[in-house]
């Protein structure tokens, strides 16, 4: 401590109170750690996207199958000379 006073005369000696609380200020020091790479998409998000894609593919297949079945029904009716009746996809007053 005496060396510090000799080298730096502007430093004041610490004054400790005889009564009461003593506080000490400390500066937090930064701790460098290894950077962590985060995935761009979480695993859960990838699973949800895959489920959504599978559901969309199933719906497309069902629509295509229904169109093929409807077309086959029309073709059969035309071969028999009948006029095919179109059915509404929504409820009508007659139902």
PDB file of N, CA and C in Angstrom:
ATOM      1  N   UNK A   1       0.817  -1.178   0.000  1.00  0.00           N
ATOM      2  CA  UNK A   1       0.000   0.000   0.000  1.00  0.00           C
ATOM      3  C   UNK A   1       0.870   1.254   0.000  1.00  0.00           C
ATOM      4  N   UNK A   2       1.975   1.192   0.713  1.00  0.00           N
ATOM      5  CA  UNK A   2       2.851   2.361   0.745  1.00  0.00           C
ATOM      6  C   UNK A   2       3.488   2.593  -0.613  1.00  0.00           C
ATOM      7  N   UNK A   3       3.746   1.507  -1.353  1.00  0.00           N
ATOM      8  CA  UNK A   3       4.292   1.678  -2.703  1.00  0.00           C
ATOM      9  C   UNK A   3       3.302   2.417  -3.587  1.00  0.00           C
ATOM     10  N   UNK A   4       2.029   2.055  -3.456  1.00  0.00           N
ATOM     11  CA  UNK A   4       0.998   2.705  -4.261  1.00  0.00           C
ATOM     12  C   UNK A   4       0.938   4.197  -3.947  1.00  0.00           C
ATOM     13  N   UNK A   5       1.066   4.536  -2.697  1.00  0.00           N
ATOM     14  CA  UNK A   5       1.013   5.952  -2.316  1.00  0.00           C
ATOM     15  C   UNK A   5       2.207   6.714  -2.887  1.00  0.00           C
ATOM     16  N   UNK A   6       3.348   6.029  -2.890  1.00  0.00           N
ATOM     17  CA  UNK A   6       4.540   6.685  -3.434  1.00  0.00           C
ATOM     18  C   UNK A   6       4.439   6.842  -4.942  1.00  0.00           C
ATOM     19  N   UNK A   7       3.904   5.796  -5.608  1.00  0.00           N
ATOM     20  CA  UNK A   7       3.816   5.880  -7.072  1.00  0.00           C
ATOM     21  C   UNK A   7       2.677   6.781  -7.514  1.00  0.00           C
ATOM     22  N   UNK A   8       1.567   6.714  -6.787  1.00  0.00           N
ATOM     23  CA  UNK A   8       0.389   7.496  -7.152  1.00  0.00           C
ATOM     24  C   UNK A   8      -0.017   8.353  -5.955  1.00  0.00           C
ATOM     25  N   UNK A   9       0.479   9.536  -5.849  1.00  0.00           N
ATOM     26  CA  UNK A   9       0.171  10.356  -4.667  1.00  0.00           C
ATOM     27  C   UNK A   9      -1.283  10.830  -4.644  1.00  0.00           C
ATOM     28  N   UNK A  10      -1.999  10.738  -5.776  1.00  0.00           N
ATOM     29  CA  UNK A  10      -3.380  11.218  -5.821  1.00  0.00           C
ATOM     30  C   UNK A  10      -4.355  10.227  -5.181  1.00  0.00           C
ATOM     31  N   UNK A  11      -3.906   8.982  -4.922  1.00  0.00           N
ATOM     32  CA  UNK A  11      -4.803   7.982  -4.361  1.00  0.00           C
ATOM     33  C   UNK A  11      -5.040   8.283  -2.889  1.00  0.00           C
ATOM     34  N   UNK A  12      -6.309   8.313  -2.496  1.00  0.00           N
ATOM     35  CA  UNK A  12      -6.666   8.567  -1.109  1.00  0.00           C
ATOM     36  C   UNK A  12      -6.700   7.239  -0.344  1.00  0.00           C
ATOM     37  N   UNK A  13      -6.289   7.249   0.878  1.00  0.00           N
ATOM     38  CA  UNK A  13      -6.373   6.012   1.662  1.00  0.00           C
ATOM     39  C   UNK A  13      -7.838   5.696   1.982  1.00  0.00           C
ATOM     40  N   UNK A  14      -8.190   4.418   2.025  1.00  0.00           N
ATOM     41  CA  UNK A  14      -9.588   4.086   2.310  1.00  0.00           C
ATOM     42  C   UNK A  14      -9.960   4.453   3.745  1.00  0.00           C
ATOM     43  N   UNK A  15     -11.171   4.908   3.921  1.00  0.00           N
ATOM     44  CA  UNK A  15     -11.671   5.263   5.248  1.00  0.00           C
ATOM     45  C   UNK A  15     -12.777   4.269   5.584  1.00  0.00           C
ATOM     46  N   UNK A  16     -12.589   3.503   6.637  1.00  0.00           N
ATOM     47  CA  UNK A  16     -13.570   2.517   7.055  1.00  0.00           C
ATOM     48  C   UNK A  16     -14.334   3.051   8.253  1.00  0.00           C
ATOM     49  N   UNK A  17     -15.663   3.009   8.195  1.00  0.00           N
ATOM     50  CA  UNK A  17     -16.443   3.510   9.336  1.00  0.00           C
ATOM     51  C   UNK A  17     -16.346   2.546  10.521  1.00  0.00           C
ATOM     52  N   UNK A  18     -16.453   3.097  11.694  1.00  0.00           N
ATOM     53  CA  UNK A  18     -16.391   2.264  12.893  1.00  0.00           C
ATOM     54  C   UNK A  18     -17.758   1.683  13.216  1.00  0.00           C
ATOM     55  N   UNK A  19     -18.844   2.303  12.770  1.00  0.00           N
ATOM     56  CA  UNK A  19     -20.202   1.820  12.993  1.00  0.00           C
ATOM     57  C   UNK A  19     -20.906   1.734  11.644  1.00  0.00           C
ATOM     58  N   UNK A  20     -21.949   0.913  11.577  1.00  0.00           N
ATOM     59  CA  UNK A  20     -22.788   0.857  10.384  1.00  0.00           C
ATOM     60  C   UNK A  20     -22.313  -0.188   9.391  1.00  0.00           C
ATOM     61  N   UNK A  21     -22.862  -0.107   8.226  1.00  0.00           N
ATOM     62  CA  UNK A  21     -22.594  -1.084   7.183  1.00  0.00           C
ATOM     63  C   UNK A  21     -21.462  -0.623   6.281  1.00  0.00           C
ATOM     64  N   UNK A  22     -20.721  -1.572   5.795  1.00  0.00           N
ATOM     65  CA  UNK A  22     -19.651  -1.275   4.854  1.00  0.00           C
ATOM     66  C   UNK A  22     -20.057  -1.859   3.506  1.00  0.00           C
ATOM     67  N   UNK A  23     -20.068  -1.042   2.503  1.00  0.00           N
ATOM     68  CA  UNK A  23     -20.428  -1.495   1.159  1.00  0.00           C
ATOM     69  C   UNK A  23     -19.171  -1.542   0.308  1.00  0.00           C
ATOM     70  N   UNK A  24     -19.146  -2.517  -0.550  1.00  0.00           N
ATOM     71  CA  UNK A  24     -18.013  -2.620  -1.466  1.00  0.00           C
ATOM     72  C   UNK A  24     -18.574  -2.681  -2.879  1.00  0.00           C
ATOM     73  N   UNK A  25     -18.119  -1.796  -3.703  1.00  0.00           N
ATOM     74  CA  UNK A  25     -18.556  -1.796  -5.089  1.00  0.00           C
ATOM     75  C   UNK A  25     -17.653  -2.725  -5.872  1.00  0.00           C
ATOM     76  N   UNK A  26     -18.282  -3.543  -6.662  1.00  0.00           N
ATOM     77  CA  UNK A  26     -17.483  -4.440  -7.507  1.00  0.00           C
ATOM     78  C   UNK A  26     -18.013  -4.353  -8.931  1.00  0.00           C
ATOM     79  N   UNK A  27     -17.130  -4.419  -9.839  1.00  0.00           N
ATOM     80  CA  UNK A  27     -17.503  -4.408 -11.257  1.00  0.00           C
ATOM     81  C   UNK A  27     -17.554  -5.841 -11.747  1.00  0.00           C
ATOM     82  N   UNK A  28     -18.659  -6.190 -12.333  1.00  0.00           N
ATOM     83  CA  UNK A  28     -18.774  -7.537 -12.877  1.00  0.00           C
ATOM     84  C   UNK A  28     -17.851  -7.669 -14.084  1.00  0.00           C
ATOM     85  N   UNK A  29     -17.151  -8.762 -14.136  1.00  0.00           N
ATOM     86  CA  UNK A  29     -16.250  -8.981 -15.257  1.00  0.00           C
ATOM     87  C   UNK A  29     -16.903  -9.924 -16.253  1.00  0.00           C
ATOM     88  N   UNK A  30     -16.652  -9.658 -17.490  1.00  0.00           N
ATOM     89  CA  UNK A  30     -17.220 -10.483 -18.536  1.00  0.00           C
ATOM     90  C   UNK A  30     -16.503 -11.824 -18.596  1.00  0.00           C
ATOM     91  N   UNK A  31     -17.291 -12.853 -18.785  1.00  0.00           N
ATOM     92  CA  UNK A  31     -16.727 -14.191 -18.929  1.00  0.00           C
ATOM     93  C   UNK A  31     -17.011 -14.629 -20.355  1.00  0.00           C
ATOM     94  N   UNK A  32     -15.989 -14.886 -21.092  1.00  0.00           N
ATOM     95  CA  UNK A  32     -16.162 -15.319 -22.470  1.00  0.00           C
ATOM     96  C   UNK A  32     -16.423 -16.819 -22.496  1.00  0.00           C
ATOM     97  N   UNK A  33     -17.428 -17.202 -23.238  1.00  0.00           N
ATOM     98  CA  UNK A  33     -17.728 -18.625 -23.358  1.00  0.00           C
ATOM     99  C   UNK A  33     -17.886 -18.967 -24.838  1.00  0.00           C
ATOM    100  N   UNK A  34     -17.918 -20.238 -25.085  1.00  0.00           N
ATOM    101  CA  UNK A  34     -18.018 -20.728 -26.444  1.00  0.00           C
ATOM    102  C   UNK A  34     -19.386 -20.339 -27.022  1.00  0.00           C
ATOM    103  N   UNK A  35     -19.439 -19.799 -28.227  1.00  0.00           N
ATOM    104  CA  UNK A  35     -20.734 -19.422 -28.803  1.00  0.00           C
ATOM    105  C   UNK A  35     -21.581 -20.663 -29.085  1.00  0.00           C
ATOM    106  N   UNK A  36     -22.865 -20.522 -28.856  1.00  0.00           N
ATOM    107  CA  UNK A  36     -23.779 -21.637 -29.084  1.00  0.00           C
ATOM    108  C   UNK A  36     -24.548 -21.376 -30.372  1.00  0.00           C
ATOM    109  N   UNK A  37     -24.546 -22.353 -31.247  1.00  0.00           N
ATOM    110  CA  UNK A  37     -25.266 -22.228 -32.504  1.00  0.00           C
ATOM    111  C   UNK A  37     -26.693 -22.722 -32.303  1.00  0.00           C
ATOM    112  N   UNK A  38     -27.627 -21.882 -32.637  1.00  0.00           N
ATOM    113  CA  UNK A  38     -29.022 -22.253 -32.512  1.00  0.00           C
ATOM    114  C   UNK A  38     -29.551 -22.654 -33.885  1.00  0.00           C
ATOM    115  N   UNK A  39     -30.395 -23.675 -33.931  1.00  0.00           N
ATOM    116  CA  UNK A  39     -30.958 -24.065 -35.226  1.00  0.00           C
ATOM    117  C   UNK A  39     -31.914 -22.982 -35.739  1.00  0.00           C
ATOM    118  N   UNK A  40     -31.999 -22.874 -37.054  1.00  0.00           N
ATOM    119  CA  UNK A  40     -32.897 -21.880 -37.631  1.00  0.00           C
ATOM    120  C   UNK A  40     -34.353 -22.256 -37.384  1.00  0.00           C
ATOM    121  N   UNK A  41     -34.628 -23.559 -37.380  1.00  0.00           N
ATOM    122  CA  UNK A  41     -35.972 -24.048 -37.093  1.00  0.00           C
ATOM    123  C   UNK A  41     -35.873 -25.050 -35.958  1.00  0.00           C
ATOM    124  N   UNK A  42     -36.825 -24.986 -35.057  1.00  0.00           N
ATOM    125  CA  UNK A  42     -36.816 -25.939 -33.959  1.00  0.00           C
ATOM    126  C   UNK A  42     -37.321 -27.289 -34.459  1.00  0.00           C
ATOM    127  N   UNK A  43     -37.040 -28.319 -33.703  1.00  0.00           N
ATOM    128  CA  UNK A  43     -37.461 -29.670 -34.070  1.00  0.00           C
ATOM    129  C   UNK A  43     -38.984 -29.742 -34.113  1.00  0.00           C
ATOM    130  N   UNK A  44     -39.631 -29.101 -33.159  1.00  0.00           N
ATOM    131  CA  UNK A  44     -41.091 -29.112 -33.111  1.00  0.00           C
ATOM    132  C   UNK A  44     -41.680 -28.441 -34.344  1.00  0.00           C
ATOM    133  N   UNK A  45     -41.093 -27.322 -34.755  1.00  0.00           N
ATOM    134  CA  UNK A  45     -41.583 -26.619 -35.941  1.00  0.00           C
ATOM    135  C   UNK A  45     -41.417 -27.489 -37.179  1.00  0.00           C
ATOM    136  N   UNK A  46     -40.296 -28.192 -37.287  1.00  0.00           N
ATOM    137  CA  UNK A  46     -40.082 -29.084 -38.429  1.00  0.00           C
ATOM    138  C   UNK A  46     -41.118 -30.209 -38.443  1.00  0.00           C
ATOM    139  N   UNK A  47     -41.439 -30.777 -37.274  1.00  0.00           N
ATOM    140  CA  UNK A  47     -42.450 -31.833 -37.198  1.00  0.00           C
ATOM    141  C   UNK A  47     -43.817 -31.311 -37.619  1.00  0.00           C
ATOM    142  N   UNK A  48     -44.159 -30.103 -37.132  1.00  0.00           N
ATOM    143  CA  UNK A  48     -45.453 -29.520 -37.499  1.00  0.00           C
ATOM    144  C   UNK A  48     -45.533 -29.255 -39.002  1.00  0.00           C
ATOM    145  N   UNK A  49     -44.456 -28.777 -39.585  1.00  0.00           N
ATOM    146  CA  UNK A  49     -44.454 -28.524 -41.029  1.00  0.00           C
ATOM    147  C   UNK A  49     -44.608 -29.830 -41.810  1.00  0.00           C
ATOM    148  N   UNK A  50     -43.956 -30.894 -41.330  1.00  0.00           N
ATOM    149  CA  UNK A  50     -44.070 -32.192 -42.001  1.00  0.00           C
ATOM    150  C   UNK A  50     -45.501 -32.721 -41.896  1.00  0.00           C
ATOM    151  N   UNK A  51     -46.126 -32.603 -40.712  1.00  0.00           N
ATOM    152  CA  UNK A  51     -47.511 -33.030 -40.550  1.00  0.00           C
ATOM    153  C   UNK A  51     -48.444 -32.241 -41.463  1.00  0.00           C
ATOM    154  N   UNK A  52     -48.219 -30.929 -41.553  1.00  0.00           N
ATOM    155  CA  UNK A  52     -49.051 -30.087 -42.416  1.00  0.00           C
ATOM    156  C   UNK A  52     -48.883 -30.485 -43.875  1.00  0.00           C
ATOM    157  N   UNK A  53     -47.660 -30.763 -44.293  1.00  0.00           N
ATOM    158  CA  UNK A  53     -47.395 -31.176 -45.671  1.00  0.00           C
ATOM    159  C   UNK A  53     -48.071 -32.509 -45.978  1.00  0.00           C
ATOM    160  N   UNK A  54     -47.988 -33.463 -45.041  1.00  0.00           N
ATOM    161  CA  UNK A  54     -48.639 -34.760 -45.232  1.00  0.00           C
ATOM    162  C   UNK A  54     -50.155 -34.601 -45.342  1.00  0.00           C
ATOM    163  N   UNK A  55     -50.729 -33.749 -44.496  1.00  0.00           N
ATOM    164  CA  UNK A  55     -52.175 -33.514 -44.538  1.00  0.00           C
ATOM    165  C   UNK A  55     -52.575 -32.885 -45.876  1.00  0.00           C
ATOM    166  N   UNK A  56     -51.777 -31.931 -46.357  1.00  0.00           N
ATOM    167  CA  UNK A  56     -52.083 -31.303 -47.651  1.00  0.00           C
ATOM    168  C   UNK A  56     -52.002 -32.319 -48.788  1.00  0.00           C
ATOM    169  N   UNK A  57     -50.999 -33.208 -48.737  1.00  0.00           N
ATOM    170  CA  UNK A  57     -50.883 -34.235 -49.774  1.00  0.00           C
ATOM    171  C   UNK A  57     -52.077 -35.186 -49.752  1.00  0.00           C
ATOM    172  N   UNK A  58     -52.555 -35.573 -48.562  1.00  0.00           N
ATOM    173  CA  UNK A  58     -53.716 -36.459 -48.457  1.00  0.00           C
ATOM    174  C   UNK A  58     -54.960 -35.795 -49.036  1.00  0.00           C
ATOM    175  N   UNK A  59     -55.131 -34.513 -48.730  1.00  0.00           N
ATOM    176  CA  UNK A  59     -56.295 -33.794 -49.253  1.00  0.00           C
ATOM    177  C   UNK A  59     -56.240 -33.728 -50.778  1.00  0.00           C
ATOM    178  N   UNK A  60     -55.054 -33.451 -51.328  1.00  0.00           N
ATOM    179  CA  UNK A  60     -54.917 -33.405 -52.791  1.00  0.00           C
ATOM    180  C   UNK A  60     -55.244 -34.758 -53.406  1.00  0.00           C
ATOM    181  N   UNK A  61     -54.761 -35.843 -52.778  1.00  0.00           N
ATOM    182  CA  UNK A  61     -55.052 -37.182 -53.299  1.00  0.00           C
ATOM    183  C   UNK A  61     -56.540 -37.473 -53.251  1.00  0.00           C
ATOM    184  N   UNK A  62     -57.202 -37.083 -52.157  1.00  0.00           N
ATOM    185  CA  UNK A  62     -58.645 -37.319 -52.034  1.00  0.00           C
ATOM    186  C   UNK A  62     -59.408 -36.547 -53.103  1.00  0.00           C
ATOM    187  N   UNK A  63     -58.997 -35.313 -53.353  1.00  0.00           N
ATOM    188  CA  UNK A  63     -59.666 -34.503 -54.371  1.00  0.00           C
ATOM    189  C   UNK A  63     -59.477 -35.131 -55.748  1.00  0.00           C
ATOM    190  N   UNK A  64     -58.246 -35.576 -56.036  1.00  0.00           N
ATOM    191  CA  UNK A  64     -57.986 -36.203 -57.335  1.00  0.00           C
ATOM    192  C   UNK A  64     -58.791 -37.497 -57.488  1.00  0.00           C
ATOM    193  N   UNK A  65     -58.855 -38.304 -56.438  1.00  0.00           N
ATOM    194  CA  UNK A  65     -59.637 -39.552 -56.492  1.00  0.00           C
ATOM    195  C   UNK A  65     -61.113 -39.256 -56.728  1.00  0.00           C
ATOM    196  N   UNK A  66     -61.618 -38.231 -56.056  1.00  0.00           N
ATOM    197  CA  UNK A  66     -63.035 -37.885 -56.216  1.00  0.00           C
ATOM    198  C   UNK A  66     -63.312 -37.399 -57.644  1.00  0.00           C
ATOM    199  N   UNK A  67     -62.378 -36.619 -58.191  1.00  0.00           N
ATOM    200  CA  UNK A  67     -62.569 -36.142 -59.562  1.00  0.00           C
ATOM    201  C   UNK A  67     -62.546 -37.309 -60.549  1.00  0.00           C
ATOM    202  N   UNK A  68     -61.636 -38.256 -60.312  1.00  0.00           N
ATOM    203  CA  UNK A  68     -61.561 -39.425 -61.193  1.00  0.00           C
ATOM    204  C   UNK A  68     -62.849 -40.237 -61.088  1.00  0.00           C
ATOM    205  N   UNK A  69     -63.352 -40.447 -59.868  1.00  0.00           N
ATOM    206  CA  UNK A  69     -64.595 -41.204 -59.682  1.00  0.00           C
ATOM    207  C   UNK A  69     -65.765 -40.498 -60.348  1.00  0.00           C
ATOM    208  N   UNK A  70     -65.834 -39.183 -60.191  1.00  0.00           N
ATOM    209  CA  UNK A  70     -66.924 -38.409 -60.799  1.00  0.00           C
ATOM    210  C   UNK A  70     -66.848 -38.503 -62.320  1.00  0.00           C
ATOM    211  N   UNK A  71     -65.657 -38.399 -62.862  1.00  0.00           N
ATOM    212  CA  UNK A  71     -65.490 -38.478 -64.308  1.00  0.00           C
ATOM    213  C   UNK A  71     -65.894 -39.859 -64.814  1.00  0.00           C
ATOM    214  N   UNK A  72     -65.549 -40.904 -64.065  1.00  0.00           N
ATOM    215  CA  UNK A  72     -65.917 -42.266 -64.457  1.00  0.00           C
ATOM    216  C   UNK A  72     -67.432 -42.435 -64.436  1.00  0.00           C
ATOM    217  N   UNK A  73     -68.101 -41.850 -63.436  1.00  0.00           N
ATOM    218  CA  UNK A  73     -69.560 -41.926 -63.356  1.00  0.00           C
ATOM    219  C   UNK A  73     -70.199 -41.230 -64.558  1.00  0.00           C
ATOM    220  N   UNK A  74     -69.677 -40.064 -64.939  1.00  0.00           N
ATOM    221  CA  UNK A  74     -70.207 -39.352 -66.094  1.00  0.00           C
ATOM    222  C   UNK A  74     -69.992 -40.161 -67.374  1.00  0.00           C
ATOM    223  N   UNK A  75     -68.808 -40.755 -67.503  1.00  0.00           N
ATOM    224  CA  UNK A  75     -68.503 -41.549 -68.694  1.00  0.00           C
ATOM    225  C   UNK A  75     -69.437 -42.747 -68.804  1.00  0.00           C
ATOM    226  N   UNK A  76     -69.695 -43.441 -67.703  1.00  0.00           N
ATOM    227  CA  UNK A  76     -70.599 -44.599 -67.707  1.00  0.00           C
ATOM    228  C   UNK A  76     -72.013 -44.169 -68.060  1.00  0.00           C
ATOM    229  N   UNK A  77     -72.459 -43.041 -67.515  1.00  0.00           N
ATOM    230  CA  UNK A  77     -73.810 -42.557 -67.788  1.00  0.00           C
ATOM    231  C   UNK A  77     -73.942 -42.179 -69.260  1.00  0.00           C
ATOM    232  N   UNK A  78     -72.925 -41.596 -69.839  1.00  0.00           N
ATOM    233  CA  UNK A  78     -72.983 -41.221 -71.256  1.00  0.00           C
ATOM    234  C   UNK A  78     -73.001 -42.459 -72.138  1.00  0.00           C
ATOM    235  N   UNK A  79     -72.281 -43.510 -71.754  1.00  0.00           N
ATOM    236  CA  UNK A  79     -72.280 -44.748 -72.527  1.00  0.00           C
ATOM    237  C   UNK A  79     -73.661 -45.395 -72.519  1.00  0.00           C
ATOM    238  N   UNK A  80     -74.362 -45.292 -71.408  1.00  0.00           N
ATOM    239  CA  UNK A  80     -75.689 -45.886 -71.289  1.00  0.00           C
ATOM    240  C   UNK A  80     -76.765 -44.975 -71.861  1.00  0.00           C
ATOM    241  N   UNK A  81     -76.412 -43.801 -72.299  1.00  0.00           N
ATOM    242  CA  UNK A  81     -77.363 -42.869 -72.889  1.00  0.00           C
ATOM    243  C   UNK A  81     -78.130 -42.082 -71.846  1.00  0.00           C
ATOM    244  N   UNK A  82     -77.689 -42.102 -70.636  1.00  0.00           N
ATOM    245  CA  UNK A  82     -78.381 -41.364 -69.584  1.00  0.00           C
ATOM    246  C   UNK A  82     -77.731 -39.984 -69.417  1.00  0.00           C
ATOM    247  N   UNK A  83     -78.541 -39.065 -68.941  1.00  0.00           N
ATOM    248  CA  UNK A  83     -78.010 -37.744 -68.635  1.00  0.00           C
ATOM    249  C   UNK A  83     -77.573 -37.773 -67.169  1.00  0.00           C
ATOM    250  N   UNK A  84     -76.300 -37.548 -66.915  1.00  0.00           N
ATOM    251  CA  UNK A  84     -75.839 -37.626 -65.525  1.00  0.00           C
ATOM    252  C   UNK A  84     -76.402 -36.480 -64.692  1.00  0.00           C
ATOM    253  N   UNK A  85     -76.778 -36.807 -63.474  1.00  0.00           N
ATOM    254  CA  UNK A  85     -77.281 -35.791 -62.560  1.00  0.00           C
ATOM    255  C   UNK A  85     -76.117 -35.268 -61.731  1.00  0.00           C
ATOM    256  N   UNK A  86     -76.034 -33.974 -61.665  1.00  0.00           N
ATOM    257  CA  UNK A  86     -74.960 -33.394 -60.861  1.00  0.00           C
ATOM    258  C   UNK A  86     -75.457 -33.230 -59.427  1.00  0.00           C
ATOM    259  N   UNK A  87     -74.589 -33.546 -58.509  1.00  0.00           N
ATOM    260  CA  UNK A  87     -74.939 -33.406 -57.104  1.00  0.00           C
ATOM    261  C   UNK A  87     -74.169 -32.234 -56.513  1.00  0.00           C
ATOM    262  N   UNK A  88     -74.858 -31.486 -55.694  1.00  0.00           N
ATOM    263  CA  UNK A  88     -74.234 -30.324 -55.061  1.00  0.00           C
ATOM    264  C   UNK A  88     -73.360 -30.784 -53.898  1.00  0.00           C
ATOM    265  N   UNK A  89     -72.265 -30.080 -53.704  1.00  0.00           N
ATOM    266  CA  UNK A  89     -71.377 -30.387 -52.592  1.00  0.00           C
ATOM    267  C   UNK A  89     -71.872 -29.775 -51.282  1.00  0.00           C
ATOM    268  N   UNK A  90     -72.864 -28.911 -51.376  1.00  0.00           N
ATOM    269  CA  UNK A  90     -73.394 -28.276 -50.181  1.00  0.00           C
ATOM    270  C   UNK A  90     -74.838 -28.694 -49.997  1.00  0.00           C
ATOM    271  N   UNK A  91     -75.356 -28.468 -48.829  1.00  0.00           N
ATOM    272  CA  UNK A  91     -76.746 -28.813 -48.563  1.00  0.00           C
ATOM    273  C   UNK A  91     -77.677 -27.852 -49.320  1.00  0.00           C
ATOM    274  N   UNK A  92     -78.713 -28.428 -49.875  1.00  0.00           N
ATOM    275  CA  UNK A  92     -79.705 -27.607 -50.557  1.00  0.00           C
ATOM    276  C   UNK A  92     -80.997 -27.680 -49.782  1.00  0.00           C
ATOM    277  N   UNK A  93     -81.994 -26.895 -50.174  1.00  0.00           N
ATOM    278  CA  UNK A  93     -83.281 -26.897 -49.486  1.00  0.00           C
ATOM    279  C   UNK A  93     -83.999 -28.223 -49.659  1.00  0.00           C
ATOM    280  N   UNK A  94     -83.723 -28.937 -50.735  1.00  0.00           N
ATOM    281  CA  UNK A  94     -84.393 -30.215 -50.987  1.00  0.00           C
ATOM    282  C   UNK A  94     -83.912 -31.301 -50.025  1.00  0.00           C
ATOM    283  N   UNK A  95     -82.706 -31.152 -49.517  1.00  0.00           N
ATOM    284  CA  UNK A  95     -82.169 -32.177 -48.607  1.00  0.00           C
ATOM    285  C   UNK A  95     -82.841 -32.007 -47.297  1.00  0.00           C
TER     286      UNK A  95
END
